[in-house]
């Protein structure tokens, strides 16, 4: 029930206030989110890499760097 409610409002937000870029459109992002919520760890890592790229492009690289030593693991690497 919570997932359906979340998806309903998230879809509305994405459709009413579309973010810049095809990766974040409702048609692209919501299926990715569903796969991640269904346990697709690879999708979670791919989504993290996309979010990291966007964060760095907007000047938030220091925040990402502050998550060390976990960043390689979040990206899909081995980490330490």
PDB file of N, CA and C in Angstrom:
ATOM      1  N   UNK A   1       0.816  -1.197   0.000  1.00  0.00           N
ATOM      2  CA  UNK A   1       0.000   0.000   0.000  1.00  0.00           C
ATOM      3  C   UNK A   1       0.861   1.263   0.000  1.00  0.00           C
ATOM      4  N   UNK A   2       1.892   1.275   0.807  1.00  0.00           N
ATOM      5  CA  UNK A   2       2.752   2.447   0.868  1.00  0.00           C
ATOM      6  C   UNK A   2       3.434   2.678  -0.471  1.00  0.00           C
ATOM      7  N   UNK A   3       3.909   1.579  -1.104  1.00  0.00           N
ATOM      8  CA  UNK A   3       4.573   1.731  -2.394  1.00  0.00           C
ATOM      9  C   UNK A   3       3.651   2.331  -3.434  1.00  0.00           C
ATOM     10  N   UNK A   4       2.423   1.877  -3.484  1.00  0.00           N
ATOM     11  CA  UNK A   4       1.487   2.419  -4.474  1.00  0.00           C
ATOM     12  C   UNK A   4       1.219   3.897  -4.231  1.00  0.00           C
ATOM     13  N   UNK A   5       1.040   4.268  -2.976  1.00  0.00           N
ATOM     14  CA  UNK A   5       0.796   5.667  -2.655  1.00  0.00           C
ATOM     15  C   UNK A   5       2.009   6.507  -3.023  1.00  0.00           C
ATOM     16  N   UNK A   6       3.192   6.040  -2.656  1.00  0.00           N
ATOM     17  CA  UNK A   6       4.416   6.753  -2.997  1.00  0.00           C
ATOM     18  C   UNK A   6       4.534   6.905  -4.507  1.00  0.00           C
ATOM     19  N   UNK A   7       4.339   5.818  -5.239  1.00  0.00           N
ATOM     20  CA  UNK A   7       4.465   5.879  -6.694  1.00  0.00           C
ATOM     21  C   UNK A   7       3.454   6.831  -7.312  1.00  0.00           C
ATOM     22  N   UNK A   8       2.243   6.856  -6.767  1.00  0.00           N
ATOM     23  CA  UNK A   8       1.200   7.747  -7.290  1.00  0.00           C
ATOM     24  C   UNK A   8       1.647   9.201  -7.175  1.00  0.00           C
ATOM     25  N   UNK A   9       2.121   9.589  -5.995  1.00  0.00           N
ATOM     26  CA  UNK A   9       2.522  10.973  -5.797  1.00  0.00           C
ATOM     27  C   UNK A   9       3.841  11.289  -6.483  1.00  0.00           C
ATOM     28  N   UNK A  10       4.753  10.342  -6.488  1.00  0.00           N
ATOM     29  CA  UNK A  10       6.026  10.560  -7.162  1.00  0.00           C
ATOM     30  C   UNK A  10       5.804  10.719  -8.660  1.00  0.00           C
ATOM     31  N   UNK A  11       4.980   9.860  -9.231  1.00  0.00           N
ATOM     32  CA  UNK A  11       4.663   9.986 -10.664  1.00  0.00           C
ATOM     33  C   UNK A  11       4.078  11.365 -10.947  1.00  0.00           C
ATOM     34  N   UNK A  12       3.143  11.807 -10.123  1.00  0.00           N
ATOM     35  CA  UNK A  12       2.515  13.111 -10.315  1.00  0.00           C
ATOM     36  C   UNK A  12       3.568  14.217 -10.269  1.00  0.00           C
ATOM     37  N   UNK A  13       4.447  14.169  -9.270  1.00  0.00           N
ATOM     38  CA  UNK A  13       5.511  15.172  -9.153  1.00  0.00           C
ATOM     39  C   UNK A  13       6.392  15.188 -10.395  1.00  0.00           C
ATOM     40  N   UNK A  14       6.808  13.997 -10.841  1.00  0.00           N
ATOM     41  CA  UNK A  14       7.692  13.928 -12.001  1.00  0.00           C
ATOM     42  C   UNK A  14       7.001  14.405 -13.268  1.00  0.00           C
ATOM     43  N   UNK A  15       5.706  14.169 -13.381  1.00  0.00           N
ATOM     44  CA  UNK A  15       4.972  14.606 -14.563  1.00  0.00           C
ATOM     45  C   UNK A  15       4.647  16.098 -14.518  1.00  0.00           C
ATOM     46  N   UNK A  16       4.327  16.622 -13.339  1.00  0.00           N
ATOM     47  CA  UNK A  16       3.969  18.035 -13.212  1.00  0.00           C
ATOM     48  C   UNK A  16       5.189  18.949 -13.213  1.00  0.00           C
ATOM     49  N   UNK A  17       6.273  18.465 -12.629  1.00  0.00           N
ATOM     50  CA  UNK A  17       7.496  19.254 -12.505  1.00  0.00           C
ATOM     51  C   UNK A  17       8.671  18.421 -13.011  1.00  0.00           C
ATOM     52  N   UNK A  18       8.698  18.171 -14.324  1.00  0.00           N
ATOM     53  CA  UNK A  18       9.701  17.251 -14.863  1.00  0.00           C
ATOM     54  C   UNK A  18      11.123  17.759 -14.643  1.00  0.00           C
ATOM     55  N   UNK A  19      11.970  16.903 -14.105  1.00  0.00           N
ATOM     56  CA  UNK A  19      13.374  17.264 -13.954  1.00  0.00           C
ATOM     57  C   UNK A  19      14.050  17.303 -15.320  1.00  0.00           C
ATOM     58  N   UNK A  20      15.181  17.953 -15.373  1.00  0.00           N
ATOM     59  CA  UNK A  20      15.931  18.036 -16.622  1.00  0.00           C
ATOM     60  C   UNK A  20      16.619  16.698 -16.872  1.00  0.00           C
ATOM     61  N   UNK A  21      16.488  16.206 -18.060  1.00  0.00           N
ATOM     62  CA  UNK A  21      17.182  14.984 -18.462  1.00  0.00           C
ATOM     63  C   UNK A  21      16.266  13.782 -18.494  1.00  0.00           C
ATOM     64  N   UNK A  22      16.472  12.954 -19.494  1.00  0.00           N
ATOM     65  CA  UNK A  22      15.624  11.785 -19.705  1.00  0.00           C
ATOM     66  C   UNK A  22      15.760  10.764 -18.573  1.00  0.00           C
ATOM     67  N   UNK A  23      16.909  10.704 -17.906  1.00  0.00           N
ATOM     68  CA  UNK A  23      17.095   9.735 -16.816  1.00  0.00           C
ATOM     69  C   UNK A  23      16.117   9.943 -15.673  1.00  0.00           C
ATOM     70  N   UNK A  24      15.617  11.145 -15.528  1.00  0.00           N
ATOM     71  CA  UNK A  24      14.782  11.466 -14.372  1.00  0.00           C
ATOM     72  C   UNK A  24      13.308  11.639 -14.736  1.00  0.00           C
ATOM     73  N   UNK A  25      12.936  11.332 -15.971  1.00  0.00           N
ATOM     74  CA  UNK A  25      11.526  11.414 -16.361  1.00  0.00           C
ATOM     75  C   UNK A  25      10.758  10.278 -15.688  1.00  0.00           C
ATOM     76  N   UNK A  26       9.463  10.462 -15.521  1.00  0.00           N
ATOM     77  CA  UNK A  26       8.626   9.430 -14.889  1.00  0.00           C
ATOM     78  C   UNK A  26       8.736   8.111 -15.654  1.00  0.00           C
ATOM     79  N   UNK A  27       8.770   8.176 -16.981  1.00  0.00           N
ATOM     80  CA  UNK A  27       8.801   6.967 -17.790  1.00  0.00           C
ATOM     81  C   UNK A  27      10.096   6.180 -17.613  1.00  0.00           C
ATOM     82  N   UNK A  28      11.179   6.864 -17.315  1.00  0.00           N
ATOM     83  CA  UNK A  28      12.472   6.202 -17.158  1.00  0.00           C
ATOM     84  C   UNK A  28      12.786   5.886 -15.703  1.00  0.00           C
ATOM     85  N   UNK A  29      12.571   6.862 -14.834  1.00  0.00           N
ATOM     86  CA  UNK A  29      12.981   6.717 -13.439  1.00  0.00           C
ATOM     87  C   UNK A  29      12.116   5.738 -12.648  1.00  0.00           C
ATOM     88  N   UNK A  30      10.802   5.794 -12.815  1.00  0.00           N
ATOM     89  CA  UNK A  30       9.921   4.943 -11.999  1.00  0.00           C
ATOM     90  C   UNK A  30      10.137   3.446 -12.229  1.00  0.00           C
ATOM     91  N   UNK A  31      10.318   2.977 -13.471  1.00  0.00           N
ATOM     92  CA  UNK A  31      10.631   1.553 -13.637  1.00  0.00           C
ATOM     93  C   UNK A  31      11.967   1.170 -12.987  1.00  0.00           C
ATOM     94  N   UNK A  32      12.925   2.071 -13.032  1.00  0.00           N
ATOM     95  CA  UNK A  32      14.208   1.803 -12.368  1.00  0.00           C
ATOM     96  C   UNK A  32      14.007   1.688 -10.862  1.00  0.00           C
ATOM     97  N   UNK A  33      13.228   2.593 -10.313  1.00  0.00           N
ATOM     98  CA  UNK A  33      12.956   2.566  -8.876  1.00  0.00           C
ATOM     99  C   UNK A  33      12.230   1.282  -8.494  1.00  0.00           C
ATOM    100  N   UNK A  34      11.277   0.849  -9.299  1.00  0.00           N
ATOM    101  CA  UNK A  34      10.566  -0.404  -9.036  1.00  0.00           C
ATOM    102  C   UNK A  34      11.523  -1.594  -9.025  1.00  0.00           C
ATOM    103  N   UNK A  35      12.432  -1.641 -10.019  1.00  0.00           N
ATOM    104  CA  UNK A  35      13.405  -2.736 -10.053  1.00  0.00           C
ATOM    105  C   UNK A  35      14.281  -2.729  -8.807  1.00  0.00           C
ATOM    106  N   UNK A  36      14.681  -1.536  -8.385  1.00  0.00           N
ATOM    107  CA  UNK A  36      15.508  -1.426  -7.197  1.00  0.00           C
ATOM    108  C   UNK A  36      14.733  -1.906  -5.963  1.00  0.00           C
ATOM    109  N   UNK A  37      13.487  -1.483  -5.837  1.00  0.00           N
ATOM    110  CA  UNK A  37      12.668  -1.893  -4.693  1.00  0.00           C
ATOM    111  C   UNK A  37      12.354  -3.383  -4.714  1.00  0.00           C
ATOM    112  N   UNK A  38      12.392  -3.986  -5.899  1.00  0.00           N
ATOM    113  CA  UNK A  38      12.172  -5.425  -6.013  1.00  0.00           C
ATOM    114  C   UNK A  38      13.437  -6.232  -5.716  1.00  0.00           C
ATOM    115  N   UNK A  39      14.519  -5.538  -5.358  1.00  0.00           N
ATOM    116  CA  UNK A  39      15.724  -6.236  -4.948  1.00  0.00           C
ATOM    117  C   UNK A  39      16.823  -6.315  -5.978  1.00  0.00           C
ATOM    118  N   UNK A  40      16.709  -5.563  -7.061  1.00  0.00           N
ATOM    119  CA  UNK A  40      17.742  -5.573  -8.090  1.00  0.00           C
ATOM    120  C   UNK A  40      18.910  -4.703  -7.630  1.00  0.00           C
ATOM    121  N   UNK A  41      19.909  -5.348  -7.017  1.00  0.00           N
ATOM    122  CA  UNK A  41      21.043  -4.618  -6.471  1.00  0.00           C
ATOM    123  C   UNK A  41      21.850  -3.926  -7.564  1.00  0.00           C
ATOM    124  N   UNK A  42      21.947  -4.544  -8.720  1.00  0.00           N
ATOM    125  CA  UNK A  42      22.649  -3.915  -9.843  1.00  0.00           C
ATOM    126  C   UNK A  42      21.992  -2.612 -10.251  1.00  0.00           C
ATOM    127  N   UNK A  43      20.658  -2.589 -10.236  1.00  0.00           N
ATOM    128  CA  UNK A  43      19.936  -1.350 -10.573  1.00  0.00           C
ATOM    129  C   UNK A  43      20.212  -0.284  -9.520  1.00  0.00           C
ATOM    130  N   UNK A  44      20.287  -0.693  -8.267  1.00  0.00           N
ATOM    131  CA  UNK A  44      20.590   0.259  -7.200  1.00  0.00           C
ATOM    132  C   UNK A  44      21.962   0.895  -7.440  1.00  0.00           C
ATOM    133  N   UNK A  45      22.923   0.089  -7.827  1.00  0.00           N
ATOM    134  CA  UNK A  45      24.260   0.612  -8.085  1.00  0.00           C
ATOM    135  C   UNK A  45      24.278   1.522  -9.315  1.00  0.00           C
ATOM    136  N   UNK A  46      23.560   1.141 -10.364  1.00  0.00           N
ATOM    137  CA  UNK A  46      23.482   1.992 -11.558  1.00  0.00           C
ATOM    138  C   UNK A  46      22.818   3.327 -11.223  1.00  0.00           C
ATOM    139  N   UNK A  47      21.749   3.274 -10.441  1.00  0.00           N
ATOM    140  CA  UNK A  47      21.059   4.503 -10.046  1.00  0.00           C
ATOM    141  C   UNK A  47      21.974   5.381  -9.198  1.00  0.00           C
ATOM    142  N   UNK A  48      22.734   4.761  -8.288  1.00  0.00           N
ATOM    143  CA  UNK A  48      23.673   5.535  -7.487  1.00  0.00           C
ATOM    144  C   UNK A  48      24.672   6.262  -8.398  1.00  0.00           C
ATOM    145  N   UNK A  49      25.217   5.549  -9.386  1.00  0.00           N
ATOM    146  CA  UNK A  49      26.198   6.172 -10.278  1.00  0.00           C
ATOM    147  C   UNK A  49      25.594   7.368 -11.024  1.00  0.00           C
ATOM    148  N   UNK A  50      24.337   7.254 -11.433  1.00  0.00           N
ATOM    149  CA  UNK A  50      23.672   8.372 -12.107  1.00  0.00           C
ATOM    150  C   UNK A  50      23.450   9.544 -11.157  1.00  0.00           C
ATOM    151  N   UNK A  51      23.052   9.239  -9.925  1.00  0.00           N
ATOM    152  CA  UNK A  51      22.848  10.294  -8.931  1.00  0.00           C
ATOM    153  C   UNK A  51      24.183  10.951  -8.584  1.00  0.00           C
ATOM    154  N   UNK A  52      25.227  10.140  -8.454  1.00  0.00           N
ATOM    155  CA  UNK A  52      26.549  10.701  -8.156  1.00  0.00           C
ATOM    156  C   UNK A  52      26.987  11.668  -9.259  1.00  0.00           C
ATOM    157  N   UNK A  53      26.816  11.266 -10.497  1.00  0.00           N
ATOM    158  CA  UNK A  53      27.198  12.131 -11.622  1.00  0.00           C
ATOM    159  C   UNK A  53      26.437  13.456 -11.562  1.00  0.00           C
ATOM    160  N   UNK A  54      25.134  13.375 -11.329  1.00  0.00           N
ATOM    161  CA  UNK A  54      24.306  14.580 -11.243  1.00  0.00           C
ATOM    162  C   UNK A  54      24.750  15.454 -10.072  1.00  0.00           C
ATOM    163  N   UNK A  55      25.017  14.839  -8.921  1.00  0.00           N
ATOM    164  CA  UNK A  55      25.451  15.593  -7.739  1.00  0.00           C
ATOM    165  C   UNK A  55      26.770  16.312  -8.023  1.00  0.00           C
ATOM    166  N   UNK A  56      27.712  15.608  -8.637  1.00  0.00           N
ATOM    167  CA  UNK A  56      29.008  16.231  -8.938  1.00  0.00           C
ATOM    168  C   UNK A  56      28.857  17.362  -9.949  1.00  0.00           C
ATOM    169  N   UNK A  57      27.980  17.187 -10.939  1.00  0.00           N
ATOM    170  CA  UNK A  57      27.744  18.244 -11.928  1.00  0.00           C
ATOM    171  C   UNK A  57      27.172  19.500 -11.292  1.00  0.00           C
ATOM    172  N   UNK A  58      26.513  19.342 -10.151  1.00  0.00           N
ATOM    173  CA  UNK A  58      25.895  20.484  -9.469  1.00  0.00           C
ATOM    174  C   UNK A  58      26.697  20.937  -8.249  1.00  0.00           C
ATOM    175  N   UNK A  59      27.977  20.552  -8.208  1.00  0.00           N
ATOM    176  CA  UNK A  59      28.862  21.061  -7.176  1.00  0.00           C
ATOM    177  C   UNK A  59      28.791  20.374  -5.821  1.00  0.00           C
ATOM    178  N   UNK A  60      28.252  19.151  -5.788  1.00  0.00           N
ATOM    179  CA  UNK A  60      28.123  18.440  -4.516  1.00  0.00           C
ATOM    180  C   UNK A  60      29.106  17.288  -4.377  1.00  0.00           C
ATOM    181  N   UNK A  61      30.223  17.369  -5.090  1.00  0.00           N
ATOM    182  CA  UNK A  61      31.224  16.316  -5.035  1.00  0.00           C
ATOM    183  C   UNK A  61      31.781  16.093  -3.644  1.00  0.00           C
ATOM    184  N   UNK A  62      31.912  17.153  -2.867  1.00  0.00           N
ATOM    185  CA  UNK A  62      32.457  17.013  -1.505  1.00  0.00           C
ATOM    186  C   UNK A  62      31.541  16.158  -0.635  1.00  0.00           C
ATOM    187  N   UNK A  63      30.253  16.239  -0.861  1.00  0.00           N
ATOM    188  CA  UNK A  63      29.311  15.403  -0.097  1.00  0.00           C
ATOM    189  C   UNK A  63      29.555  13.942  -0.438  1.00  0.00           C
ATOM    190  N   UNK A  64      29.650  13.642  -1.722  1.00  0.00           N
ATOM    191  CA  UNK A  64      29.919  12.270  -2.163  1.00  0.00           C
ATOM    192  C   UNK A  64      31.253  11.793  -1.588  1.00  0.00           C
ATOM    193  N   UNK A  65      32.270  12.628  -1.685  1.00  0.00           N
ATOM    194  CA  UNK A  65      33.587  12.252  -1.176  1.00  0.00           C
ATOM    195  C   UNK A  65      33.554  11.994   0.324  1.00  0.00           C
ATOM    196  N   UNK A  66      32.657  12.638   1.028  1.00  0.00           N
ATOM    197  CA  UNK A  66      32.519  12.435   2.467  1.00  0.00           C
ATOM    198  C   UNK A  66      31.967  11.058   2.822  1.00  0.00           C
ATOM    199  N   UNK A  67      31.468  10.334   1.836  1.00  0.00           N
ATOM    200  CA  UNK A  67      30.938   8.987   2.090  1.00  0.00           C
ATOM    201  C   UNK A  67      32.009   7.910   1.988  1.00  0.00           C
ATOM    202  N   UNK A  68      33.259   8.328   1.701  1.00  0.00           N
ATOM    203  CA  UNK A  68      34.360   7.354   1.660  1.00  0.00           C
ATOM    204  C   UNK A  68      34.473   6.687   3.024  1.00  0.00           C
ATOM    205  N   UNK A  69      34.822   5.438   3.082  1.00  0.00           N
ATOM    206  CA  UNK A  69      35.339   4.555   2.044  1.00  0.00           C
ATOM    207  C   UNK A  69      34.249   3.760   1.328  1.00  0.00           C
ATOM    208  N   UNK A  70      32.988   4.139   1.467  1.00  0.00           N
ATOM    209  CA  UNK A  70      31.886   3.352   0.916  1.00  0.00           C
ATOM    210  C   UNK A  70      31.559   3.647  -0.541  1.00  0.00           C
ATOM    211  N   UNK A  71      32.109   4.707  -1.099  1.00  0.00           N
ATOM    212  CA  UNK A  71      31.743   5.117  -2.457  1.00  0.00           C
ATOM    213  C   UNK A  71      32.017   4.027  -3.497  1.00  0.00           C
ATOM    214  N   UNK A  72      33.177   3.377  -3.500  1.00  0.00           N
ATOM    215  CA  UNK A  72      33.382   2.320  -4.504  1.00  0.00           C
ATOM    216  C   UNK A  72      32.337   1.204  -4.412  1.00  0.00           C
ATOM    217  N   UNK A  73      31.961   0.838  -3.211  1.00  0.00           N
ATOM    218  CA  UNK A  73      30.932  -0.187  -3.019  1.00  0.00           C
ATOM    219  C   UNK A  73      29.593   0.293  -3.571  1.00  0.00           C
ATOM    220  N   UNK A  74      29.233   1.539  -3.290  1.00  0.00           N
ATOM    221  CA  UNK A  74      27.965   2.085  -3.789  1.00  0.00           C
ATOM    222  C   UNK A  74      27.938   2.127  -5.308  1.00  0.00           C
ATOM    223  N   UNK A  75      29.083   2.368  -5.905  1.00  0.00           N
ATOM    224  CA  UNK A  75      29.183   2.408  -7.367  1.00  0.00           C
ATOM    225  C   UNK A  75      29.084   1.016  -7.984  1.00  0.00           C
ATOM    226  N   UNK A  76      29.352  -0.001  -7.180  1.00  0.00           N
ATOM    227  CA  UNK A  76      29.335  -1.364  -7.701  1.00  0.00           C
ATOM    228  C   UNK A  76      30.689  -2.020  -7.673  1.00  0.00           C
ATOM    229  N   UNK A  77      31.652  -1.348  -7.069  1.00  0.00           N
ATOM    230  CA  UNK A  77      32.989  -1.920  -6.935  1.00  0.00           C
ATOM    231  C   UNK A  77      33.097  -2.702  -5.637  1.00  0.00           C
ATOM    232  N   UNK A  78      34.288  -3.071  -5.289  1.00  0.00           N
ATOM    233  CA  UNK A  78      34.488  -3.890  -4.096  1.00  0.00           C
ATOM    234  C   UNK A  78      34.506  -3.066  -2.824  1.00  0.00           C
ATOM    235  N   UNK A  79      35.040  -1.853  -2.860  1.00  0.00           N
ATOM    236  CA  UNK A  79      35.145  -1.040  -1.659  1.00  0.00           C
ATOM    237  C   UNK A  79      36.105  -1.645  -0.672  1.00  0.00           C
ATOM    238  N   UNK A  80      36.286  -0.962   0.450  1.00  0.00           N
ATOM    239  CA  UNK A  80      37.153  -1.517   1.486  1.00  0.00           C
ATOM    240  C   UNK A  80      36.486  -1.457   2.817  1.00  0.00           C
TER     241      UNK A  80
END
